[in-house]
Amino acid sequence: MLTTESTDGTHAELDLVALPVLLGTLVDDHLGAVAAVRRASAALAAAVEAAVPRLAAGGRLVYVGAGTSGRLGLLDSVELEPTFSWPPERALALLAGGPAALHRAVEGAEDNFEQGRIDIRCACVGPLDVVLLLAASGSTPYVLGAGRAARDAGALTVGLANNPGSPLAALAEHGITLDTGPEVVSGSTRLKAGTAQKIALNSFSTALMVRLHKVYGNLMVDLRATNAKLQQRALRLAMRAGGADEDAARAALQSCGGRVKVAVLVLRTGLDCGAAEARLDAFAGNLRAALAAPA
């Protein structure tokens, strides 16, 4: 039996406990998700290291999953643009059952191995792409089909599963096991297993963006300021990284089209926006290197 499907005997009378105890039990069990991802941190780091050159060369992140796993992959993909200005066309999510599966379960879709292969081929996955294969069980046919097609296409494959010895971990070039064990509610992998996948995806994609120079220090200087909240955040970032007061930072952002990195270069070097942008491009978006370069 899969460990995620086994019964946790310590919670055999879960339906009888007082509500505060019930909530405490559910919350505390998620600590096991943190521990599982921590145990897998070296494997995650190796996957990041392998993914960076492909993405730096123009590759895409392609998330593949069914049910909760598929929705978590979609969530990670859509958050990359506002946080890091990652182009949306370079973050693709494939869900078993298609877009309809985002809102409700599409029964049987996850069992279709061939559809996984078809969806990867239709997405024109190639050697520069990084394909994240997500399945709590580690044996979902749709995800395995997608993984087989992605490997055949020469893409880098990273598999995240919550059961040791899974077919998915064996298939992927970087098979990562997040061994969360049995759930408080037996078999409900939207709980601790899903939390572990979310933590792993957050950590993986954020580490990628840091290595791709989307972060300066720990400041998200490549954010896309698409609303009032993010515009205020961009202003604070420009003030902090640019060593400037509010008026100077606001003026730099306005003259540079709201691009924090370019505004910081303007504030720190005295270059105009065009020259600052050219210098940043010359250093592949690496703000630290652009600031260190001689005038």
Protein backbone atom coordinates (compact mmCIF):
# COMPACT_ATOMS: atom_id res chain seq x y z
CA MET A 1 0.00 0.00 0.00
CA LEU A 2 1.13 3.55 -0.71
CA THR A 3 2.16 5.32 2.48
CA THR A 4 -0.10 8.25 1.58
CA GLU A 5 -3.03 5.82 1.45
CA SER A 6 -2.28 4.01 4.71
CA THR A 7 -4.18 4.73 7.92
CA ASP A 8 -2.68 6.76 10.74
CA GLY A 9 -3.70 4.76 13.79
CA THR A 10 -3.11 7.65 16.20
CA HIS A 11 -6.20 9.43 14.88
CA ALA A 12 -8.68 6.56 14.86
CA GLU A 13 -11.30 8.63 16.77
CA LEU A 14 -10.76 11.92 14.94
CA ASP A 15 -14.49 12.50 14.55
CA LEU A 16 -14.99 12.43 18.31
CA VAL A 17 -12.40 14.94 19.53
CA ALA A 18 -13.22 18.48 20.59
CA LEU A 19 -12.98 21.14 17.89
CA PRO A 20 -9.87 22.90 19.28
CA VAL A 21 -8.09 19.54 19.44
CA LEU A 22 -9.24 18.67 15.91
CA LEU A 23 -7.89 21.91 14.47
CA GLY A 24 -4.65 21.62 16.43
CA THR A 25 -4.17 18.08 15.14
CA LEU A 26 -4.72 19.12 11.53
CA VAL A 27 -2.38 22.11 11.81
CA ASP A 28 0.38 20.25 13.62
CA ASP A 29 0.39 17.43 11.09
CA HIS A 30 1.56 19.87 8.41
CA LEU A 31 4.86 20.15 10.27
CA GLY A 32 5.58 16.78 8.69
CA ALA A 33 5.40 18.45 5.28
CA VAL A 34 8.16 20.88 6.24
CA ALA A 35 10.31 18.01 7.49
CA ALA A 36 9.74 16.03 4.28
CA VAL A 37 10.83 18.92 2.05
CA ARG A 38 13.83 19.61 4.25
CA ARG A 39 14.96 16.00 3.81
CA ALA A 40 14.67 16.48 0.05
CA SER A 41 16.48 19.84 -0.07
CA ALA A 42 19.70 18.43 -1.56
CA ALA A 43 17.73 16.77 -4.36
CA LEU A 44 15.82 20.00 -4.99
CA ALA A 45 19.11 21.93 -5.15
CA ALA A 46 20.47 19.51 -7.74
CA ALA A 47 17.33 19.97 -9.84
CA VAL A 48 17.64 23.77 -9.65
CA GLU A 49 21.26 23.59 -10.72
CA ALA A 50 20.33 21.46 -13.74
CA ALA A 51 17.39 23.70 -14.68
CA VAL A 52 19.11 27.10 -14.59
CA PRO A 53 21.18 26.78 -17.81
CA ARG A 54 18.16 25.64 -19.83
CA LEU A 55 15.97 28.46 -18.61
CA ALA A 56 18.78 31.00 -19.07
CA ALA A 57 18.95 29.83 -22.70
CA GLY A 58 15.25 30.55 -23.24
CA GLY A 59 13.53 27.39 -22.00
CA ARG A 60 10.15 27.14 -20.33
CA LEU A 61 8.83 25.77 -17.07
CA VAL A 62 6.12 23.20 -17.79
CA TYR A 63 4.06 21.95 -14.85
CA VAL A 64 2.16 18.65 -15.21
CA GLY A 65 -0.28 17.17 -12.72
CA ALA A 66 -3.76 15.91 -11.91
CA GLY A 67 -6.17 17.03 -9.22
CA THR A 68 -4.58 18.86 -6.30
CA SER A 69 -1.08 18.40 -7.71
CA GLY A 70 -2.10 19.90 -11.05
CA ARG A 71 -3.76 22.89 -9.40
CA LEU A 72 -0.68 23.52 -7.25
CA GLY A 73 1.46 23.49 -10.37
CA LEU A 74 -0.86 25.98 -12.06
CA LEU A 75 -0.72 28.24 -9.00
CA ASP A 76 3.06 28.27 -9.03
CA SER A 77 3.14 29.01 -12.75
CA VAL A 78 0.83 32.04 -12.61
CA GLU A 79 2.61 33.61 -9.64
CA LEU A 80 5.94 33.91 -11.46
CA GLU A 81 4.97 36.83 -13.70
CA PRO A 82 3.89 39.39 -11.05
CA THR A 83 6.65 38.35 -8.64
CA PHE A 84 9.60 38.04 -11.01
CA SER A 85 8.39 39.36 -14.40
CA TRP A 86 8.76 35.82 -15.75
CA PRO A 87 7.04 35.75 -19.17
CA PRO A 88 3.70 33.92 -18.88
CA GLU A 89 4.36 32.09 -22.15
CA ARG A 90 7.38 30.51 -20.44
CA ALA A 91 5.35 29.04 -17.55
CA LEU A 92 2.85 26.46 -18.83
CA ALA A 93 0.57 24.28 -16.71
CA LEU A 94 -0.90 21.05 -18.07
CA LEU A 95 -3.75 19.54 -16.04
CA ALA A 96 -5.29 16.14 -16.56
CA GLY A 97 -8.76 16.88 -17.88
CA GLY A 98 -7.79 20.28 -19.27
CA PRO A 99 -8.91 23.71 -18.02
CA ALA A 100 -12.22 22.33 -16.72
CA ALA A 101 -10.27 20.33 -14.12
CA LEU A 102 -9.24 23.55 -12.41
CA HIS A 103 -12.72 24.04 -10.97
CA ARG A 104 -14.01 20.50 -10.56
CA ALA A 105 -12.73 16.94 -10.73
CA VAL A 106 -12.70 15.39 -14.20
CA GLU A 107 -13.11 11.74 -13.35
CA GLY A 108 -10.80 9.32 -15.13
CA ALA A 109 -8.62 11.99 -16.75
CA GLU A 110 -5.66 11.18 -14.53
CA ASP A 111 -5.73 7.54 -15.70
CA ASN A 112 -5.03 8.44 -19.34
CA PHE A 113 -1.33 7.75 -19.99
CA GLU A 114 -1.61 8.54 -23.70
CA GLN A 115 -3.24 11.92 -23.11
CA GLY A 116 -0.23 12.92 -21.04
CA ARG A 117 2.01 12.12 -24.00
CA ILE A 118 -0.30 14.00 -26.36
CA ASP A 119 -0.40 17.12 -24.20
CA ILE A 120 3.40 17.29 -24.02
CA ARG A 121 3.69 16.90 -27.79
CA CYS A 122 1.00 19.56 -28.39
CA ALA A 123 2.92 21.93 -26.12
CA CYS A 124 5.97 21.44 -28.36
CA VAL A 125 8.16 20.59 -25.38
CA GLY A 126 11.84 20.52 -26.33
CA PRO A 127 15.39 20.24 -25.00
CA LEU A 128 15.49 23.67 -23.33
CA ASP A 129 12.31 23.09 -21.32
CA VAL A 130 12.10 22.02 -17.68
CA VAL A 131 9.10 19.78 -17.00
CA LEU A 132 7.85 19.48 -13.41
CA LEU A 133 5.90 16.25 -12.95
CA LEU A 134 3.65 16.32 -9.88
CA ALA A 135 1.85 13.33 -8.37
CA ALA A 136 1.36 12.54 -4.69
CA SER A 137 1.05 8.83 -5.46
CA GLY A 138 3.97 8.92 -7.87
CA SER A 139 2.06 6.60 -10.18
CA THR A 140 -0.57 8.78 -11.91
CA PRO A 141 -0.74 7.51 -15.53
CA TYR A 142 -1.35 10.96 -17.07
CA VAL A 143 1.77 12.34 -15.37
CA LEU A 144 3.84 9.28 -16.27
CA GLY A 145 2.78 9.58 -19.91
CA ALA A 146 3.76 13.23 -19.92
CA GLY A 147 7.07 12.40 -18.28
CA ARG A 148 7.89 9.73 -20.84
CA ALA A 149 7.13 12.11 -23.72
CA ALA A 150 9.12 14.92 -22.10
CA ARG A 151 12.17 12.69 -21.75
CA ASP A 152 11.80 11.53 -25.34
CA ALA A 153 11.77 15.23 -26.37
CA GLY A 154 15.03 15.86 -24.50
CA ALA A 155 13.51 18.10 -21.81
CA LEU A 156 14.80 18.13 -18.24
CA THR A 157 12.31 16.24 -16.07
CA VAL A 158 11.82 16.84 -12.34
CA GLY A 159 9.39 14.54 -10.55
CA LEU A 160 7.78 15.29 -7.17
CA ALA A 161 6.08 12.36 -5.43
CA ASN A 162 5.06 11.64 -1.84
CA ASN A 163 5.65 7.89 -1.80
CA PRO A 164 9.07 6.21 -1.63
CA GLY A 165 10.08 4.03 -4.57
CA SER A 166 7.53 5.56 -6.94
CA PRO A 167 7.50 5.03 -10.73
CA LEU A 168 7.60 8.82 -11.15
CA ALA A 169 10.81 9.19 -9.18
CA ALA A 170 12.35 6.41 -11.27
CA LEU A 171 11.21 7.99 -14.55
CA ALA A 172 12.32 11.58 -13.95
CA GLU A 173 15.94 12.61 -14.30
CA HIS A 174 15.55 14.30 -10.95
CA GLY A 175 13.13 12.15 -8.98
CA ILE A 176 12.36 13.84 -5.65
CA THR A 177 10.47 12.07 -2.89
CA LEU A 178 8.59 14.12 -0.31
CA ASP A 179 7.84 11.29 2.10
CA THR A 180 4.98 12.71 4.16
CA GLY A 181 3.57 9.37 5.31
CA PRO A 182 -0.10 8.75 6.16
CA GLU A 183 -2.58 11.62 6.39
CA VAL A 184 -4.70 12.56 9.40
CA VAL A 185 -7.72 11.96 7.17
CA SER A 186 -6.60 8.75 5.54
CA GLY A 187 -5.75 9.12 1.86
CA SER A 188 -6.56 12.84 1.59
CA THR A 189 -3.38 14.03 -0.08
CA ARG A 190 -4.75 17.58 -0.37
CA LEU A 191 -3.57 17.85 3.24
CA LYS A 192 0.05 17.19 4.28
CA ALA A 193 1.18 15.80 0.91
CA GLY A 194 -0.24 18.84 -0.89
CA THR A 195 1.43 21.19 1.58
CA ALA A 196 4.79 19.49 0.95
CA GLN A 197 4.33 19.88 -2.81
CA LYS A 198 3.47 23.57 -2.38
CA ILE A 199 6.56 24.17 -0.22
CA ALA A 200 8.77 22.30 -2.68
CA LEU A 201 7.38 24.21 -5.68
CA ASN A 202 7.75 27.57 -3.92
CA SER A 203 11.32 26.73 -2.97
CA PHE A 204 12.25 25.35 -6.39
CA SER A 205 10.86 28.21 -8.48
CA THR A 206 12.10 30.92 -6.12
CA ALA A 207 15.59 29.44 -6.08
CA LEU A 208 15.49 29.39 -9.89
CA MET A 209 14.53 33.06 -10.02
CA VAL A 210 17.29 34.00 -7.58
CA ARG A 211 19.86 32.20 -9.73
CA LEU A 212 18.43 33.88 -12.84
CA HIS A 213 19.15 37.31 -11.27
CA LYS A 214 15.53 38.19 -10.57
CA VAL A 215 16.49 39.08 -6.98
CA TYR A 216 19.07 41.57 -5.65
CA GLY A 217 20.09 40.64 -2.12
CA ASN A 218 16.69 39.48 -0.93
CA LEU A 219 14.77 42.19 -2.79
CA MET A 220 12.35 41.22 -5.57
CA VAL A 221 13.64 43.88 -7.96
CA ASP A 222 12.11 42.27 -11.06
CA LEU A 223 8.50 42.43 -9.92
CA ARG A 224 5.80 43.61 -12.33
CA ALA A 225 3.90 46.46 -10.66
CA THR A 226 0.43 45.77 -12.05
CA ASN A 227 -1.65 47.23 -9.20
CA ALA A 228 -1.48 49.91 -6.49
CA LYS A 229 -0.07 47.54 -3.88
CA LEU A 230 2.75 46.43 -6.16
CA GLN A 231 3.46 50.01 -7.23
CA GLN A 232 4.01 50.94 -3.61
CA ARG A 233 6.21 47.87 -3.18
CA ALA A 234 8.25 48.89 -6.25
CA LEU A 235 8.71 52.34 -4.73
CA ARG A 236 9.96 50.90 -1.44
CA LEU A 237 12.33 48.57 -3.29
CA ALA A 238 13.74 51.38 -5.40
CA MET A 239 14.28 53.50 -2.28
CA ARG A 240 16.04 50.69 -0.43
CA ALA A 241 18.19 49.30 -3.25
CA GLY A 242 18.81 52.71 -4.79
CA GLY A 243 19.68 54.44 -1.54
CA ALA A 244 17.28 57.23 -2.41
CA ASP A 245 14.46 59.20 -0.79
CA GLU A 246 10.87 58.75 -1.87
CA ASP A 247 10.76 61.64 -4.35
CA ALA A 248 13.94 60.57 -6.15
CA ALA A 249 12.87 56.92 -6.27
CA ARG A 250 9.42 57.82 -7.62
CA ALA A 251 10.93 60.04 -10.31
CA ALA A 252 13.36 57.32 -11.37
CA LEU A 253 10.61 54.72 -11.57
CA GLN A 254 8.39 57.01 -13.62
CA SER A 255 11.17 57.81 -16.07
CA CYS A 256 12.11 54.11 -16.39
CA GLY A 257 8.61 52.75 -16.97
CA GLY A 258 8.28 51.33 -13.47
CA ARG A 259 11.21 48.92 -13.92
CA VAL A 260 12.83 48.66 -10.50
CA LYS A 261 16.18 47.28 -11.67
CA VAL A 262 16.67 50.06 -14.19
CA ALA A 263 15.57 52.70 -11.68
CA VAL A 264 18.08 51.41 -9.14
CA LEU A 265 20.89 51.67 -11.70
CA VAL A 266 19.83 55.23 -12.49
CA LEU A 267 19.78 56.15 -8.81
CA ARG A 268 23.09 54.49 -7.98
CA THR A 269 25.12 55.43 -11.08
CA GLY A 270 23.60 58.61 -12.49
CA LEU A 271 23.06 56.98 -15.89
CA ASP A 272 19.95 57.84 -17.86
CA CYS A 273 17.30 55.15 -18.31
CA GLY A 274 18.43 54.09 -21.77
CA ALA A 275 22.06 53.67 -20.74
CA ALA A 276 21.06 51.91 -17.52
CA GLU A 277 18.89 49.46 -19.41
CA ALA A 278 21.68 48.78 -21.92
CA ARG A 279 24.12 48.08 -19.09
CA LEU A 280 21.66 45.76 -17.41
CA ASP A 281 21.13 43.88 -20.68
CA ALA A 282 24.89 43.56 -21.10
CA PHE A 283 25.01 41.69 -17.80
CA ALA A 284 22.01 39.45 -18.57
CA GLY A 285 19.82 41.21 -16.05
CA ASN A 286 22.29 40.77 -13.17
CA LEU A 287 21.85 43.99 -11.20
CA ARG A 288 24.71 43.27 -8.82
CA ALA A 289 27.15 42.78 -11.69
CA ALA A 290 25.85 45.87 -13.50
CA LEU A 291 26.37 47.98 -10.38
CA ALA A 292 29.90 46.63 -9.91
CA ALA A 293 30.95 47.34 -13.50
CA PRO A 294 33.19 50.36 -14.09
CA ALA A 295 31.42 53.46 -15.37
